[in-house]
Amino acid sequence: MAKAIWKGMITFGLVTFPVKMYTAATDRVIEFKTLDKEGHPIKMKRWCPICNREVSWDEVKKGYPIGRDKYIIIEKSDLERIKLKTEKTIEIVEFVDYAEIDPIYIQKNYYLVPDKGGERAFSLFVEALRLTNKVAIGKVVLRNKEYLIAIRAYKKGLVLHILHYIDEIKNIEEFEEIKRIVPIREEELKLASLLIEKLSKKFDLSEFKDTYTEKLKELIKAKIEGREFKEKEEKKVEEAKSLMEALKKSVEEVEEKKKKKVEAKAS
């Protein structure tokens, strides 16, 4: 059973109701153990190179660097003094159109569900967001950081998006490579637009899979079974001599693939 990572209240105006927060997605990553050359698991130690000894967890402190090899120690009691009400409450400060939130600001996603006693107010909030087509903007403290968040209606519940603050987003104009971008020709743009049009369809997430993880599973299975893993050789793509040639060939290939699909369905 999934475990809530946070419990607290949502407040907007004078309305308050309890919610629980769950992670909205799980990364399917195959993890490896670090071994020595004999195949023995390696332990990572908390080691102090100055004292030349291992440090136990009860000795570990938080430190903020103020110079080379100089730190000020921040005690747990120090952090207790600056606790914010957003540690246990999501305070909604305003509502905006979802289209105003550029996807680059979205850092992580979580589900919000009602906690006991808050079902009616929770449902009202979900339906009000859906009816007005708005997203709630607020703040919450998670793991010693106050995050800017956006909450929107999602099916019968809510999705909470952790947002980056404006100063956390790098300005793309600062990259030297962007300054070297050259003008494009009209015929190139027409062909590129045609290629996009040919490749456009309704987005279906179920059509995509993690090919690398699947191959990694096959490799691991082959190793367990003591057989050689053989990877199919990919067909080499002939490089186009120019951008225009690449665009033309791409359009032709898409049209050919669509033609073969139609023929396959007809047969």
Protein backbone atom coordinates (compact mmCIF):
# COMPACT_ATOMS: atom_id res chain seq x y z
CA MET A 1 0.00 0.00 0.00
CA ALA A 2 1.26 3.47 -0.92
CA LYS A 3 2.44 5.63 1.98
CA ALA A 4 1.64 9.34 2.15
CA ILE A 5 4.80 11.47 2.09
CA TRP A 6 3.08 14.49 3.66
CA LYS A 7 -0.12 15.27 5.58
CA GLY A 8 -1.52 18.71 6.24
CA MET A 9 -4.19 21.27 5.38
CA ILE A 10 -5.15 23.28 2.32
CA THR A 11 -6.45 26.77 3.06
CA PHE A 12 -7.99 29.25 0.64
CA GLY A 13 -9.91 32.15 2.07
CA LEU A 14 -11.56 30.83 5.24
CA VAL A 15 -11.95 27.30 3.83
CA THR A 16 -9.62 24.67 5.32
CA PHE A 17 -9.56 20.92 4.74
CA PRO A 18 -7.08 18.06 5.40
CA VAL A 19 -5.17 16.34 2.59
CA LYS A 20 -2.54 13.66 2.08
CA MET A 21 0.23 13.82 -0.53
CA TYR A 22 1.50 10.86 -2.56
CA THR A 23 4.16 10.61 -5.26
CA ALA A 24 2.48 10.70 -8.68
CA ALA A 25 5.05 8.60 -10.57
CA THR A 26 7.83 6.07 -9.98
CA ASP A 27 11.06 5.90 -11.96
CA ARG A 28 11.56 2.35 -13.22
CA VAL A 29 15.33 2.28 -12.94
CA ILE A 30 17.34 -0.94 -12.63
CA GLU A 31 19.84 -0.37 -9.83
CA PHE A 32 23.28 -1.94 -9.58
CA LYS A 33 25.37 -2.65 -6.49
CA THR A 34 28.97 -1.42 -6.42
CA LEU A 35 31.34 -4.39 -6.16
CA ASP A 36 35.08 -4.96 -5.98
CA LYS A 37 36.87 -7.00 -8.67
CA GLU A 38 36.12 -10.21 -6.72
CA GLY A 39 32.38 -9.44 -6.82
CA HIS A 40 32.06 -8.44 -3.14
CA PRO A 41 29.66 -5.55 -2.21
CA ILE A 42 31.49 -2.34 -1.25
CA LYS A 43 30.41 -0.33 1.81
CA MET A 44 30.48 3.45 1.63
CA LYS A 45 31.71 5.01 4.87
CA ARG A 46 31.31 8.50 6.34
CA TRP A 47 35.03 9.29 6.55
CA CYS A 48 36.74 12.37 7.99
CA PRO A 49 40.04 12.91 6.11
CA ILE A 50 41.26 15.40 8.78
CA CYS A 51 40.70 13.12 11.81
CA ASN A 52 41.42 10.04 9.68
CA ARG A 53 38.48 8.09 11.11
CA GLU A 54 34.93 6.90 10.38
CA VAL A 55 32.16 9.24 11.62
CA SER A 56 28.98 7.83 13.21
CA TRP A 57 25.53 9.24 12.35
CA ASP A 58 25.08 10.82 15.80
CA GLU A 59 28.19 12.98 15.13
CA VAL A 60 26.99 14.27 11.73
CA LYS A 61 26.14 17.98 11.57
CA LYS A 62 24.92 20.37 8.87
CA GLY A 63 27.44 22.99 7.79
CA TYR A 64 27.26 26.06 5.58
CA PRO A 65 30.51 26.99 3.74
CA ILE A 66 31.78 30.53 4.48
CA GLY A 67 35.26 30.13 3.01
CA ARG A 68 37.82 27.56 1.96
CA ASP A 69 37.50 24.66 4.44
CA LYS A 70 35.49 26.97 6.75
CA TYR A 71 31.92 26.26 7.81
CA ILE A 72 29.36 27.44 10.31
CA ILE A 73 27.43 24.62 11.95
CA ILE A 74 23.64 24.76 11.77
CA GLU A 75 22.06 22.84 14.63
CA LYS A 76 18.63 21.19 14.54
CA SER A 77 17.50 23.70 17.18
CA ASP A 78 18.49 26.56 14.82
CA LEU A 79 16.23 25.17 12.08
CA GLU A 80 13.36 24.81 14.57
CA ARG A 81 13.38 28.61 15.08
CA ILE A 82 12.61 29.36 11.44
CA LYS A 83 9.73 26.92 11.00
CA LEU A 84 7.01 28.24 8.70
CA LYS A 85 3.28 27.57 8.83
CA THR A 86 3.61 26.10 5.32
CA GLU A 87 5.25 23.02 6.94
CA LYS A 88 1.80 21.67 7.75
CA THR A 89 -0.41 23.91 5.62
CA ILE A 90 -0.63 24.63 1.90
CA GLU A 91 -1.75 28.24 1.80
CA ILE A 92 -3.34 29.19 -1.52
CA VAL A 93 -2.42 32.78 -2.41
CA GLU A 94 -3.93 33.15 -5.91
CA PHE A 95 -5.47 31.42 -8.92
CA VAL A 96 -4.18 31.55 -12.51
CA ASP A 97 -4.88 30.01 -15.93
CA TYR A 98 -2.93 26.77 -16.43
CA ALA A 99 -1.72 28.03 -19.83
CA GLU A 100 0.25 30.75 -17.97
CA ILE A 101 2.54 28.15 -16.37
CA ASP A 102 5.40 27.29 -18.73
CA PRO A 103 6.27 23.55 -18.41
CA ILE A 104 9.92 24.48 -17.75
CA TYR A 105 8.86 25.67 -14.27
CA ILE A 106 7.43 22.26 -13.31
CA GLN A 107 9.92 20.28 -11.21
CA LYS A 108 7.94 17.32 -9.78
CA ASN A 109 4.36 16.04 -9.57
CA TYR A 110 2.39 14.69 -6.61
CA TYR A 111 -1.18 13.55 -6.02
CA LEU A 112 -3.34 15.14 -3.35
CA VAL A 113 -6.23 13.13 -1.89
CA PRO A 114 -8.63 14.00 0.94
CA ASP A 115 -7.78 13.00 4.49
CA LYS A 116 -10.52 11.82 6.85
CA GLY A 117 -13.19 14.48 7.40
CA GLY A 118 -12.16 16.63 4.43
CA GLU A 119 -13.93 14.77 1.61
CA ARG A 120 -16.74 17.31 1.03
CA ALA A 121 -14.51 20.41 0.99
CA PHE A 122 -11.95 18.55 -1.12
CA SER A 123 -14.57 17.60 -3.74
CA LEU A 124 -15.87 21.17 -3.79
CA PHE A 125 -12.34 22.50 -4.39
CA VAL A 126 -11.73 20.01 -7.24
CA GLU A 127 -15.01 20.86 -8.99
CA ALA A 128 -14.53 24.63 -8.51
CA LEU A 129 -11.07 24.42 -10.14
CA ARG A 130 -12.52 22.38 -13.00
CA LEU A 131 -15.47 24.73 -13.52
CA THR A 132 -13.33 27.91 -13.52
CA ASN A 133 -10.47 26.21 -15.44
CA LYS A 134 -8.00 27.66 -12.92
CA VAL A 135 -4.89 26.47 -11.11
CA ALA A 136 -4.22 27.30 -7.45
CA ILE A 137 -0.82 28.83 -6.59
CA GLY A 138 0.60 28.44 -3.10
CA LYS A 139 3.56 27.33 -0.99
CA VAL A 140 4.50 24.27 1.07
CA VAL A 141 7.57 23.16 3.05
CA LEU A 142 9.00 19.73 2.14
CA ARG A 143 12.33 18.45 3.45
CA ASN A 144 13.53 21.79 4.84
CA LYS A 145 12.70 23.85 1.76
CA GLU A 146 9.71 26.05 1.02
CA TYR A 147 8.44 25.24 -2.47
CA LEU A 148 6.26 27.22 -4.81
CA ILE A 149 3.41 24.95 -5.94
CA ALA A 150 0.54 24.82 -8.42
CA ILE A 151 -2.54 22.66 -7.79
CA ARG A 152 -4.96 21.63 -10.53
CA ALA A 153 -7.95 19.32 -10.82
CA TYR A 154 -7.04 15.88 -12.14
CA LYS A 155 -9.78 13.25 -12.60
CA LYS A 156 -11.42 12.88 -9.15
CA GLY A 157 -8.47 14.34 -7.27
CA LEU A 158 -5.74 16.97 -7.44
CA VAL A 159 -2.24 17.13 -8.88
CA LEU A 160 0.31 19.27 -7.08
CA HIS A 161 3.17 20.54 -9.24
CA ILE A 162 6.36 21.64 -7.48
CA LEU A 163 7.53 24.73 -9.36
CA HIS A 164 11.00 26.23 -9.72
CA TYR A 165 11.42 29.80 -8.50
CA ILE A 166 12.31 32.28 -11.24
CA ASP A 167 15.95 32.56 -10.08
CA GLU A 168 16.39 28.78 -10.40
CA ILE A 169 15.70 28.83 -14.15
CA LYS A 170 18.73 29.56 -16.33
CA ASN A 171 18.31 32.16 -19.05
CA ILE A 172 18.73 30.40 -22.42
CA GLU A 173 19.95 33.67 -23.99
CA GLU A 174 23.13 33.42 -21.89
CA PHE A 175 24.41 30.40 -23.84
CA GLU A 176 26.97 31.31 -26.49
CA GLU A 177 25.55 28.70 -28.89
CA ILE A 178 22.21 30.55 -29.04
CA LYS A 179 24.01 33.69 -30.27
CA ARG A 180 25.35 31.75 -33.26
CA ILE A 181 21.91 30.78 -34.63
CA VAL A 182 21.56 31.68 -38.32
CA PRO A 183 18.49 32.73 -40.38
CA ILE A 184 16.60 29.95 -42.22
CA ARG A 185 15.31 29.88 -45.78
CA GLU A 186 11.58 29.88 -46.55
CA GLU A 187 11.72 26.58 -48.50
CA GLU A 188 13.45 24.88 -45.55
CA LEU A 189 10.73 26.12 -43.20
CA LYS A 190 7.97 24.86 -45.54
CA LEU A 191 9.52 21.38 -45.73
CA ALA A 192 10.11 21.26 -41.95
CA SER A 193 6.47 22.26 -41.35
CA LEU A 194 5.32 19.57 -43.79
CA LEU A 195 7.43 16.95 -41.98
CA ILE A 196 5.93 17.99 -38.63
CA GLU A 197 2.44 17.81 -40.13
CA LYS A 198 3.13 14.30 -41.52
CA LEU A 199 4.38 13.10 -38.12
CA SER A 200 1.58 14.74 -36.12
CA LYS A 201 -1.02 12.58 -34.36
CA LYS A 202 -3.00 12.38 -31.12
CA PHE A 203 -0.60 11.79 -28.22
CA ASP A 204 -0.92 8.33 -26.68
CA LEU A 205 1.55 7.67 -23.84
CA SER A 206 0.84 3.91 -23.94
CA GLU A 207 2.60 3.70 -27.33
CA PHE A 208 5.97 4.51 -25.75
CA LYS A 209 8.20 2.19 -23.74
CA ASP A 210 11.63 2.31 -22.10
CA THR A 211 13.64 0.40 -24.74
CA TYR A 212 16.94 0.70 -22.84
CA THR A 213 15.51 -0.86 -19.63
CA GLU A 214 13.95 -3.70 -21.65
CA LYS A 215 17.31 -4.44 -23.31
CA LEU A 216 19.03 -4.23 -19.92
CA LYS A 217 16.58 -6.83 -18.53
CA GLU A 218 17.34 -9.09 -21.52
CA LEU A 219 21.09 -8.66 -20.89
CA ILE A 220 20.69 -9.54 -17.17
CA LYS A 221 18.54 -12.59 -18.04
CA ALA A 222 21.15 -13.80 -20.54
CA LYS A 223 23.90 -13.40 -17.90
CA ILE A 224 21.83 -15.38 -15.34
CA GLU A 225 21.20 -18.15 -17.87
CA GLY A 226 24.87 -18.22 -18.85
CA ARG A 227 24.33 -17.41 -22.51
CA GLU A 228 25.66 -14.69 -24.78
CA PHE A 229 23.50 -11.62 -25.28
CA LYS A 230 23.18 -10.68 -28.94
CA GLU A 231 21.92 -7.27 -29.95
CA LYS A 232 20.30 -6.76 -33.33
CA GLU A 233 22.31 -4.52 -35.60
CA GLU A 234 20.57 -1.28 -36.39
CA LYS A 235 20.21 -0.29 -40.02
CA LYS A 236 22.73 2.42 -40.86
CA VAL A 237 21.16 5.69 -41.92
CA GLU A 238 22.80 7.35 -44.89
CA GLU A 239 23.76 10.92 -44.05
CA ALA A 240 22.15 13.64 -46.17
CA LYS A 241 24.45 16.06 -47.95
CA SER A 242 22.40 19.13 -47.03
CA LEU A 243 19.57 20.25 -44.75
CA MET A 244 17.18 20.46 -47.71
CA GLU A 245 18.04 16.91 -48.79
CA ALA A 246 17.55 15.63 -45.22
CA LEU A 247 14.10 17.26 -45.04
CA LYS A 248 13.02 15.88 -48.43
CA LYS A 249 14.19 12.35 -47.60
CA SER A 250 12.47 12.52 -44.19
CA VAL A 251 9.12 13.48 -45.76
CA GLU A 252 9.50 10.67 -48.34
CA GLU A 253 10.28 8.09 -45.61
CA VAL A 254 7.26 9.11 -43.51
CA GLU A 255 4.98 8.86 -46.56
CA GLU A 256 6.45 5.43 -47.42
CA LYS A 257 5.91 4.13 -43.87
CA LYS A 258 2.30 5.34 -43.86
CA LYS A 259 1.71 3.69 -47.25
CA LYS A 260 3.06 0.35 -45.94
CA LYS A 261 0.82 0.56 -42.86
CA VAL A 262 -2.26 1.11 -45.03
CA GLU A 263 -1.28 -1.82 -47.28
CA ALA A 264 -0.67 -4.07 -44.27
CA LYS A 265 -4.13 -3.30 -42.85
CA ALA A 266 -5.78 -3.92 -46.23
CA SER A 267 -4.14 -7.34 -46.71
